Amino acid sequence: MPTETSWSDQTDHGYVAVFDEKGALLKRVDGFQHNMMLRNGGAYDARAIGALVEAVQDALASQAGKAPGDEKAVVESQGERLGAPGAPAA
């Protein structure tokens, strides 16, 4: 972001963007980390996190010429191995 954003801006303030290894935008979610949205469609909302992960997985599968959903098993197994964010290591 080239300029400082305003706290009242729920578009660019707190957005997240996920890119592939070539730099192509896979998914952007406006205000995802904004304090006003954290628990309602943002970074503390499990449904919103799941929707973001699913959208990225589908975009990656689409790039690879696979049907949406083919990449999910790989990411889910990695997530199980890594544990929940902030959880203590096993």
PDB file of N, CA and C in Angstrom:
ATOM      1  N   MET A   1       0.857  -1.158   0.000  1.00  0.00           N
ATOM      2  CA  MET A   1       0.000   0.000   0.000  1.00  0.00           C
ATOM      3  C   MET A   1       0.911   1.231   0.000  1.00  0.00           C
ATOM      4  N   PRO A   2       0.851   2.040  -1.020  1.00  0.00           N
ATOM      5  CA  PRO A   2       1.765   3.174  -1.126  1.00  0.00           C
ATOM      6  C   PRO A   2       1.450   4.332  -0.169  1.00  0.00           C
ATOM      7  N   THR A   3       0.226   4.415   0.319  1.00  0.00           N
ATOM      8  CA  THR A   3      -0.143   5.513   1.229  1.00  0.00           C
ATOM      9  C   THR A   3      -0.790   4.950   2.482  1.00  0.00           C
ATOM     10  N   GLU A   4      -0.739   5.740   3.543  1.00  0.00           N
ATOM     11  CA  GLU A   4      -1.386   5.370   4.801  1.00  0.00           C
ATOM     12  C   GLU A   4      -2.899   5.328   4.591  1.00  0.00           C
ATOM     13  N   THR A   5      -3.562   4.330   5.169  1.00  0.00           N
ATOM     14  CA  THR A   5      -5.019   4.233   5.047  1.00  0.00           C
ATOM     15  C   THR A   5      -5.678   4.792   6.294  1.00  0.00           C
ATOM     16  N   SER A   6      -6.912   5.142   6.168  1.00  0.00           N
ATOM     17  CA  SER A   6      -7.696   5.659   7.282  1.00  0.00           C
ATOM     18  C   SER A   6      -8.354   4.495   8.016  1.00  0.00           C
ATOM     19  N   TRP A   7      -8.487   4.613   9.319  1.00  0.00           N
ATOM     20  CA  TRP A   7      -9.138   3.581  10.113  1.00  0.00           C
ATOM     21  C   TRP A   7     -10.571   3.357   9.670  1.00  0.00           C
ATOM     22  N   SER A   8     -11.215   4.390   9.162  1.00  0.00           N
ATOM     23  CA  SER A   8     -12.615   4.249   8.729  1.00  0.00           C
ATOM     24  C   SER A   8     -12.737   3.548   7.369  1.00  0.00           C
ATOM     25  N   ASP A   9     -11.640   3.375   6.676  1.00  0.00           N
ATOM     26  CA  ASP A   9     -11.627   2.700   5.373  1.00  0.00           C
ATOM     27  C   ASP A   9     -11.680   1.194   5.590  1.00  0.00           C
ATOM     28  N   GLN A  10     -12.786   0.574   5.232  1.00  0.00           N
ATOM     29  CA  GLN A  10     -12.931  -0.868   5.408  1.00  0.00           C
ATOM     30  C   GLN A  10     -12.633  -1.633   4.119  1.00  0.00           C
ATOM     31  N   THR A  11     -12.076  -0.944   3.130  1.00  0.00           N
ATOM     32  CA  THR A  11     -11.694  -1.604   1.892  1.00  0.00           C
ATOM     33  C   THR A  11     -10.199  -1.890   1.894  1.00  0.00           C
ATOM     34  N   ASP A  12      -9.387  -0.852   1.914  1.00  0.00           N
ATOM     35  CA  ASP A  12      -7.936  -1.035   1.845  1.00  0.00           C
ATOM     36  C   ASP A  12      -7.286  -1.212   3.211  1.00  0.00           C
ATOM     37  N   HIS A  13      -7.919  -0.716   4.259  1.00  0.00           N
ATOM     38  CA  HIS A  13      -7.368  -0.863   5.614  1.00  0.00           C
ATOM     39  C   HIS A  13      -7.660  -2.279   6.099  1.00  0.00           C
ATOM     40  N   GLY A  14      -6.624  -3.087   6.219  1.00  0.00           N
ATOM     41  CA  GLY A  14      -6.793  -4.450   6.716  1.00  0.00           C
ATOM     42  C   GLY A  14      -7.123  -5.491   5.667  1.00  0.00           C
ATOM     43  N   TYR A  15      -6.992  -5.151   4.395  1.00  0.00           N
ATOM     44  CA  TYR A  15      -7.281  -6.157   3.372  1.00  0.00           C
ATOM     45  C   TYR A  15      -6.206  -7.242   3.389  1.00  0.00           C
ATOM     46  N   VAL A  16      -6.541  -8.411   2.885  1.00  0.00           N
ATOM     47  CA  VAL A  16      -5.553  -9.457   2.654  1.00  0.00           C
ATOM     48  C   VAL A  16      -5.603  -9.817   1.174  1.00  0.00           C
ATOM     49  N   ALA A  17      -4.446 -10.143   0.651  1.00  0.00           N
ATOM     50  CA  ALA A  17      -4.341 -10.568  -0.740  1.00  0.00           C
ATOM     51  C   ALA A  17      -3.424 -11.781  -0.775  1.00  0.00           C
ATOM     52  N   VAL A  18      -3.839 -12.787  -1.521  1.00  0.00           N
ATOM     53  CA  VAL A  18      -3.054 -14.008  -1.661  1.00  0.00           C
ATOM     54  C   VAL A  18      -2.641 -14.117  -3.125  1.00  0.00           C
ATOM     55  N   PHE A  19      -1.331 -14.319  -3.319  1.00  0.00           N
ATOM     56  CA  PHE A  19      -0.767 -14.403  -4.664  1.00  0.00           C
ATOM     57  C   PHE A  19      -0.137 -15.780  -4.872  1.00  0.00           C
ATOM     58  N   ASP A  20      -0.077 -16.201  -6.118  1.00  0.00           N
ATOM     59  CA  ASP A  20       0.632 -17.447  -6.412  1.00  0.00           C
ATOM     60  C   ASP A  20       2.124 -17.168  -6.540  1.00  0.00           C
ATOM     61  N   GLU A  21       2.893 -18.212  -6.833  1.00  0.00           N
ATOM     62  CA  GLU A  21       4.351 -18.067  -6.888  1.00  0.00           C
ATOM     63  C   GLU A  21       4.816 -17.170  -8.032  1.00  0.00           C
ATOM     64  N   LYS A  22       3.959 -16.926  -9.013  1.00  0.00           N
ATOM     65  CA  LYS A  22       4.311 -16.042 -10.131  1.00  0.00           C
ATOM     66  C   LYS A  22       3.858 -14.601  -9.889  1.00  0.00           C
ATOM     67  N   GLY A  23       3.182 -14.368  -8.774  1.00  0.00           N
ATOM     68  CA  GLY A  23       2.737 -13.021  -8.451  1.00  0.00           C
ATOM     69  C   GLY A  23       1.327 -12.691  -8.901  1.00  0.00           C
ATOM     70  N   ALA A  24       0.598 -13.665  -9.427  1.00  0.00           N
ATOM     71  CA  ALA A  24      -0.781 -13.440  -9.856  1.00  0.00           C
ATOM     72  C   ALA A  24      -1.705 -13.449  -8.637  1.00  0.00           C
ATOM     73  N   LEU A  25      -2.595 -12.492  -8.585  1.00  0.00           N
ATOM     74  CA  LEU A  25      -3.555 -12.404  -7.480  1.00  0.00           C
ATOM     75  C   LEU A  25      -4.534 -13.562  -7.552  1.00  0.00           C
ATOM     76  N   LEU A  26      -4.625 -14.328  -6.466  1.00  0.00           N
ATOM     77  CA  LEU A  26      -5.577 -15.427  -6.381  1.00  0.00           C
ATOM     78  C   LEU A  26      -6.864 -14.981  -5.710  1.00  0.00           C
ATOM     79  N   LYS A  27      -6.738 -14.190  -4.644  1.00  0.00           N
ATOM     80  CA  LYS A  27      -7.919 -13.740  -3.898  1.00  0.00           C
ATOM     81  C   LYS A  27      -7.556 -12.522  -3.074  1.00  0.00           C
ATOM     82  N   ARG A  28      -8.441 -11.556  -3.039  1.00  0.00           N
ATOM     83  CA  ARG A  28      -8.318 -10.384  -2.169  1.00  0.00           C
ATOM     84  C   ARG A  28      -9.613 -10.273  -1.382  1.00  0.00           C
ATOM     85  N   VAL A  29      -9.465 -10.022  -0.075  1.00  0.00           N
ATOM     86  CA  VAL A  29     -10.634  -9.810   0.784  1.00  0.00           C
ATOM     87  C   VAL A  29     -10.445  -8.471   1.468  1.00  0.00           C
ATOM     88  N   ASP A  30     -11.304  -7.522   1.119  1.00  0.00           N
ATOM     89  CA  ASP A  30     -11.226  -6.184   1.691  1.00  0.00           C
ATOM     90  C   ASP A  30     -11.529  -6.216   3.182  1.00  0.00           C
ATOM     91  N   GLY A  31     -10.750  -5.470   3.971  1.00  0.00           N
ATOM     92  CA  GLY A  31     -11.006  -5.301   5.393  1.00  0.00           C
ATOM     93  C   GLY A  31     -10.894  -6.546   6.243  1.00  0.00           C
ATOM     94  N   PHE A  32     -10.316  -7.602   5.746  1.00  0.00           N
ATOM     95  CA  PHE A  32     -10.295  -8.889   6.444  1.00  0.00           C
ATOM     96  C   PHE A  32      -9.641  -8.798   7.825  1.00  0.00           C
ATOM     97  N   GLN A  33      -8.621  -7.967   7.971  1.00  0.00           N
ATOM     98  CA  GLN A  33      -7.940  -7.813   9.253  1.00  0.00           C
ATOM     99  C   GLN A  33      -8.350  -6.535   9.982  1.00  0.00           C
ATOM    100  N   HIS A  34      -9.355  -5.840   9.484  1.00  0.00           N
ATOM    101  CA  HIS A  34      -9.819  -4.595  10.095  1.00  0.00           C
ATOM    102  C   HIS A  34     -10.491  -4.911  11.430  1.00  0.00           C
ATOM    103  N   ASN A  35     -10.176  -4.120  12.454  1.00  0.00           N
ATOM    104  CA  ASN A  35     -10.757  -4.334  13.791  1.00  0.00           C
ATOM    105  C   ASN A  35     -12.278  -4.437  13.756  1.00  0.00           C
ATOM    106  N   MET A  36     -12.917  -3.679  12.890  1.00  0.00           N
ATOM    107  CA  MET A  36     -14.378  -3.659  12.845  1.00  0.00           C
ATOM    108  C   MET A  36     -14.957  -4.936  12.237  1.00  0.00           C
ATOM    109  N   MET A  37     -14.135  -5.735  11.577  1.00  0.00           N
ATOM    110  CA  MET A  37     -14.642  -6.932  10.887  1.00  0.00           C
ATOM    111  C   MET A  37     -14.063  -8.239  11.420  1.00  0.00           C
ATOM    112  N   LEU A  38     -13.193  -8.178  12.411  1.00  0.00           N
ATOM    113  CA  LEU A  38     -12.450  -9.367  12.831  1.00  0.00           C
ATOM    114  C   LEU A  38     -13.334 -10.577  13.105  1.00  0.00           C
ATOM    115  N   ARG A  39     -14.414 -10.383  13.838  1.00  0.00           N
ATOM    116  CA  ARG A  39     -15.263 -11.516  14.238  1.00  0.00           C
ATOM    117  C   ARG A  39     -16.501 -11.693  13.367  1.00  0.00           C
ATOM    118  N   ASN A  40     -16.667 -10.800  12.406  1.00  0.00           N
ATOM    119  CA  ASN A  40     -17.836 -10.876  11.534  1.00  0.00           C
ATOM    120  C   ASN A  40     -17.373 -10.753  10.082  1.00  0.00           C
ATOM    121  N   GLY A  41     -16.835 -11.848   9.564  1.00  0.00           N
ATOM    122  CA  GLY A  41     -16.357 -11.858   8.186  1.00  0.00           C
ATOM    123  C   GLY A  41     -14.890 -11.552   8.053  1.00  0.00           C
ATOM    124  N   GLY A  42     -14.179 -11.559   9.169  1.00  0.00           N
ATOM    125  CA  GLY A  42     -12.753 -11.234   9.137  1.00  0.00           C
ATOM    126  C   GLY A  42     -11.880 -12.331   9.704  1.00  0.00           C
ATOM    127  N   ALA A  43     -10.696 -11.932  10.146  1.00  0.00           N
ATOM    128  CA  ALA A  43      -9.635 -12.869  10.514  1.00  0.00           C
ATOM    129  C   ALA A  43      -9.928 -13.723  11.739  1.00  0.00           C
ATOM    130  N   TYR A  44     -10.908 -13.365  12.571  1.00  0.00           N
ATOM    131  CA  TYR A  44     -11.276 -14.195  13.725  1.00  0.00           C
ATOM    132  C   TYR A  44     -12.547 -14.999  13.475  1.00  0.00           C
ATOM    133  N   ASP A  45     -13.085 -14.928  12.276  1.00  0.00           N
ATOM    134  CA  ASP A  45     -14.326 -15.610  11.910  1.00  0.00           C
ATOM    135  C   ASP A  45     -13.957 -16.888  11.144  1.00  0.00           C
ATOM    136  N   ALA A  46     -14.167 -18.039  11.776  1.00  0.00           N
ATOM    137  CA  ALA A  46     -13.766 -19.315  11.173  1.00  0.00           C
ATOM    138  C   ALA A  46     -14.406 -19.537   9.810  1.00  0.00           C
ATOM    139  N   ARG A  47     -15.657 -19.121   9.638  1.00  0.00           N
ATOM    140  CA  ARG A  47     -16.308 -19.290   8.330  1.00  0.00           C
ATOM    141  C   ARG A  47     -15.630 -18.434   7.265  1.00  0.00           C
ATOM    142  N   ALA A  48     -15.248 -17.203   7.631  1.00  0.00           N
ATOM    143  CA  ALA A  48     -14.582 -16.318   6.673  1.00  0.00           C
ATOM    144  C   ALA A  48     -13.207 -16.855   6.306  1.00  0.00           C
ATOM    145  N   ILE A  49     -12.496 -17.396   7.282  1.00  0.00           N
ATOM    146  CA  ILE A  49     -11.189 -17.995   7.019  1.00  0.00           C
ATOM    147  C   ILE A  49     -11.354 -19.190   6.087  1.00  0.00           C
ATOM    148  N   GLY A  50     -12.335 -20.033   6.367  1.00  0.00           N
ATOM    149  CA  GLY A  50     -12.597 -21.190   5.517  1.00  0.00           C
ATOM    150  C   GLY A  50     -12.946 -20.785   4.103  1.00  0.00           C
ATOM    151  N   ALA A  51     -13.741 -19.731   3.959  1.00  0.00           N
ATOM    152  CA  ALA A  51     -14.116 -19.259   2.619  1.00  0.00           C
ATOM    153  C   ALA A  51     -12.893 -18.739   1.857  1.00  0.00           C
ATOM    154  N   LEU A  52     -12.002 -18.046   2.564  1.00  0.00           N
ATOM    155  CA  LEU A  52     -10.778 -17.551   1.931  1.00  0.00           C
ATOM    156  C   LEU A  52      -9.900 -18.715   1.482  1.00  0.00           C
ATOM    157  N   VAL A  53      -9.705 -19.681   2.350  1.00  0.00           N
ATOM    158  CA  VAL A  53      -8.883 -20.852   2.010  1.00  0.00           C
ATOM    159  C   VAL A  53      -9.497 -21.601   0.831  1.00  0.00           C
ATOM    160  N   GLU A  54     -10.798 -21.788   0.855  1.00  0.00           N
ATOM    161  CA  GLU A  54     -11.465 -22.499  -0.244  1.00  0.00           C
ATOM    162  C   GLU A  54     -11.322 -21.750  -1.564  1.00  0.00           C
ATOM    163  N   ALA A  55     -11.465 -20.421  -1.526  1.00  0.00           N
ATOM    164  CA  ALA A  55     -11.326 -19.633  -2.751  1.00  0.00           C
ATOM    165  C   ALA A  55      -9.913 -19.737  -3.315  1.00  0.00           C
ATOM    166  N   VAL A  56      -8.915 -19.715  -2.443  1.00  0.00           N
ATOM    167  CA  VAL A  56      -7.526 -19.844  -2.895  1.00  0.00           C
ATOM    168  C   VAL A  56      -7.284 -21.240  -3.460  1.00  0.00           C
ATOM    169  N   GLN A  57      -7.767 -22.266  -2.788  1.00  0.00           N
ATOM    170  CA  GLN A  57      -7.609 -23.638  -3.277  1.00  0.00           C
ATOM    171  C   GLN A  57      -8.263 -23.807  -4.643  1.00  0.00           C
ATOM    172  N   ASP A  58      -9.454 -23.255  -4.801  1.00  0.00           N
ATOM    173  CA  ASP A  58     -10.152 -23.360  -6.087  1.00  0.00           C
ATOM    174  C   ASP A  58      -9.397 -22.615  -7.185  1.00  0.00           C
ATOM    175  N   ALA A  59      -8.841 -21.443  -6.843  1.00  0.00           N
ATOM    176  CA  ALA A  59      -8.068 -20.686  -7.836  1.00  0.00           C
ATOM    177  C   ALA A  59      -6.824 -21.458  -8.252  1.00  0.00           C
ATOM    178  N   LEU A  60      -6.147 -22.069  -7.289  1.00  0.00           N
ATOM    179  CA  LEU A  60      -4.963 -22.874  -7.607  1.00  0.00           C
ATOM    180  C   LEU A  60      -5.332 -24.094  -8.445  1.00  0.00           C
ATOM    181  N   ALA A  61      -6.429 -24.744  -8.105  1.00  0.00           N
ATOM    182  CA  ALA A  61      -6.873 -25.906  -8.874  1.00  0.00           C
ATOM    183  C   ALA A  61      -7.226 -25.493 -10.296  1.00  0.00           C
ATOM    184  N   SER A  62      -7.864 -24.342 -10.434  1.00  0.00           N
ATOM    185  CA  SER A  62      -8.238 -23.849 -11.753  1.00  0.00           C
ATOM    186  C   SER A  62      -6.995 -23.567 -12.593  1.00  0.00           C
ATOM    187  N   GLN A  63      -5.971 -22.980 -11.975  1.00  0.00           N
ATOM    188  CA  GLN A  63      -4.720 -22.722 -12.688  1.00  0.00           C
ATOM    189  C   GLN A  63      -4.072 -24.020 -13.164  1.00  0.00           C
ATOM    190  N   ALA A  64      -4.189 -25.050 -12.355  1.00  0.00           N
ATOM    191  CA  ALA A  64      -3.562 -26.334 -12.670  1.00  0.00           C
ATOM    192  C   ALA A  64      -4.426 -27.180 -13.607  1.00  0.00           C
ATOM    193  N   GLY A  65      -5.602 -26.666 -13.969  1.00  0.00           N
ATOM    194  CA  GLY A  65      -6.486 -27.402 -14.857  1.00  0.00           C
ATOM    195  C   GLY A  65      -7.242 -28.514 -14.169  1.00  0.00           C
ATOM    196  N   LYS A  66      -7.346 -28.434 -12.847  1.00  0.00           N
ATOM    197  CA  LYS A  66      -8.065 -29.450 -12.082  1.00  0.00           C
ATOM    198  C   LYS A  66      -9.432 -28.913 -11.704  1.00  0.00           C
ATOM    199  N   ALA A  67     -10.312 -29.809 -11.323  1.00  0.00           N
ATOM    200  CA  ALA A  67     -11.630 -29.406 -10.860  1.00  0.00           C
ATOM    201  C   ALA A  67     -11.489 -28.762  -9.480  1.00  0.00           C
ATOM    202  N   PRO A  68     -12.275 -27.703  -9.188  1.00  0.00           N
ATOM    203  CA  PRO A  68     -12.236 -27.124  -7.847  1.00  0.00           C
ATOM    204  C   PRO A  68     -12.471 -28.208  -6.802  1.00  0.00           C
ATOM    205  N   GLY A  69     -11.651 -28.189  -5.764  1.00  0.00           N
ATOM    206  CA  GLY A  69     -11.760 -29.180  -4.709  1.00  0.00           C
ATOM    207  C   GLY A  69     -10.642 -30.200  -4.719  1.00  0.00           C
ATOM    208  N   ASP A  70      -9.956 -30.370  -5.853  1.00  0.00           N
ATOM    209  CA  ASP A  70      -8.880 -31.363  -5.949  1.00  0.00           C
ATOM    210  C   ASP A  70      -7.705 -31.043  -5.031  1.00  0.00           C
ATOM    211  N   GLU A  71      -7.451 -29.763  -4.775  1.00  0.00           N
ATOM    212  CA  GLU A  71      -6.307 -29.359  -3.963  1.00  0.00           C
ATOM    213  C   GLU A  71      -6.624 -29.400  -2.466  1.00  0.00           C
ATOM    214  N   LYS A  72      -7.878 -29.527  -2.094  1.00  0.00           N
ATOM    215  CA  LYS A  72      -8.280 -29.397  -0.698  1.00  0.00           C
ATOM    216  C   LYS A  72      -7.698 -30.484   0.196  1.00  0.00           C
ATOM    217  N   ALA A  73      -7.621 -31.697  -0.271  1.00  0.00           N
ATOM    218  CA  ALA A  73      -7.120 -32.784   0.570  1.00  0.00           C
ATOM    219  C   ALA A  73      -5.671 -32.539   0.960  1.00  0.00           C
ATOM    220  N   VAL A  74      -4.874 -32.005   0.056  1.00  0.00           N
ATOM    221  CA  VAL A  74      -3.471 -31.733   0.348  1.00  0.00           C
ATOM    222  C   VAL A  74      -3.364 -30.655   1.414  1.00  0.00           C
ATOM    223  N   VAL A  75      -4.101 -29.558   1.258  1.00  0.00           N
ATOM    224  CA  VAL A  75      -4.030 -28.452   2.220  1.00  0.00           C
ATOM    225  C   VAL A  75      -4.587 -28.878   3.562  1.00  0.00           C
ATOM    226  N   GLU A  76      -5.675 -29.638   3.568  1.00  0.00           N
ATOM    227  CA  GLU A  76      -6.255 -30.084   4.843  1.00  0.00           C
ATOM    228  C   GLU A  76      -5.289 -30.989   5.581  1.00  0.00           C
ATOM    229  N   SER A  77      -4.598 -31.872   4.889  1.00  0.00           N
ATOM    230  CA  SER A  77      -3.661 -32.745   5.585  1.00  0.00           C
ATOM    231  C   SER A  77      -2.484 -31.946   6.120  1.00  0.00           C
ATOM    232  N   GLN A  78      -2.051 -30.933   5.416  1.00  0.00           N
ATOM    233  CA  GLN A  78      -0.985 -30.070   5.924  1.00  0.00           C
ATOM    234  C   GLN A  78      -1.475 -29.300   7.138  1.00  0.00           C
ATOM    235  N   GLY A  79      -2.721 -28.820   7.106  1.00  0.00           N
ATOM    236  CA  GLY A  79      -3.288 -28.086   8.230  1.00  0.00           C
ATOM    237  C   GLY A  79      -3.385 -28.950   9.472  1.00  0.00           C
ATOM    238  N   GLU A  80      -3.749 -30.201   9.302  1.00  0.00           N
ATOM    239  CA  GLU A  80      -3.823 -31.112  10.442  1.00  0.00           C
ATOM    240  C   GLU A  80      -2.444 -31.312  11.055  1.00  0.00           C
ATOM    241  N   ARG A  81      -1.448 -31.386  10.212  1.00  0.00           N
ATOM    242  CA  ARG A  81      -0.086 -31.590  10.698  1.00  0.00           C
ATOM    243  C   ARG A  81       0.427 -30.340  11.398  1.00  0.00           C
ATOM    244  N   LEU A  82       0.074 -29.155  10.869  1.00  0.00           N
ATOM    245  CA  LEU A  82       0.571 -27.906  11.424  1.00  0.00           C
ATOM    246  C   LEU A  82      -0.205 -27.474  12.663  1.00  0.00           C
ATOM    247  N   GLY A  83      -1.455 -27.859  12.776  1.00  0.00           N
ATOM    248  CA  GLY A  83      -2.274 -27.451  13.898  1.00  0.00           C
ATOM    249  C   GLY A  83      -2.909 -26.085  13.659  1.00  0.00           C
ATOM    250  N   ALA A  84      -3.730 -25.682  14.595  1.00  0.00           N
ATOM    251  CA  ALA A  84      -4.427 -24.416  14.493  1.00  0.00           C
ATOM    252  C   ALA A  84      -3.465 -23.258  14.732  1.00  0.00           C
ATOM    253  N   PRO A  85      -3.727 -22.098  14.119  1.00  0.00           N
ATOM    254  CA  PRO A  85      -2.873 -20.938  14.363  1.00  0.00           C
ATOM    255  C   PRO A  85      -2.852 -20.605  15.857  1.00  0.00           C
ATOM    256  N   GLY A  86      -1.681 -20.394  16.379  1.00  0.00           N
ATOM    257  CA  GLY A  86      -1.544 -20.025  17.788  1.00  0.00           C
ATOM    258  C   GLY A  86      -1.573 -21.192  18.757  1.00  0.00           C
ATOM    259  N   ALA A  87      -1.797 -22.392  18.238  1.00  0.00           N
ATOM    260  CA  ALA A  87      -1.847 -23.573  19.112  1.00  0.00           C
ATOM    261  C   ALA A  87      -0.425 -23.989  19.480  1.00  0.00           C
ATOM    262  N   PRO A  88      -0.246 -24.518  20.674  1.00  0.00           N
ATOM    263  CA  PRO A  88       1.103 -24.978  21.038  1.00  0.00           C
ATOM    264  C   PRO A  88       1.522 -26.159  20.199  1.00  0.00           C
ATOM    265  N   ALA A  89       2.813 -26.266  19.974  1.00  0.00           N
ATOM    266  CA  ALA A  89       3.341 -27.372  19.180  1.00  0.00           C
ATOM    267  C   ALA A  89       3.141 -28.683  19.897  1.00  0.00           C
ATOM    268  N   ALA A  90       2.889 -29.733  19.139  1.00  0.00           N
ATOM    269  CA  ALA A  90       2.662 -31.060  19.740  1.00  0.00           C
ATOM    270  C   ALA A  90       3.951 -31.713  20.140  1.00  0.00           C
TER     271      ALA A  90
END
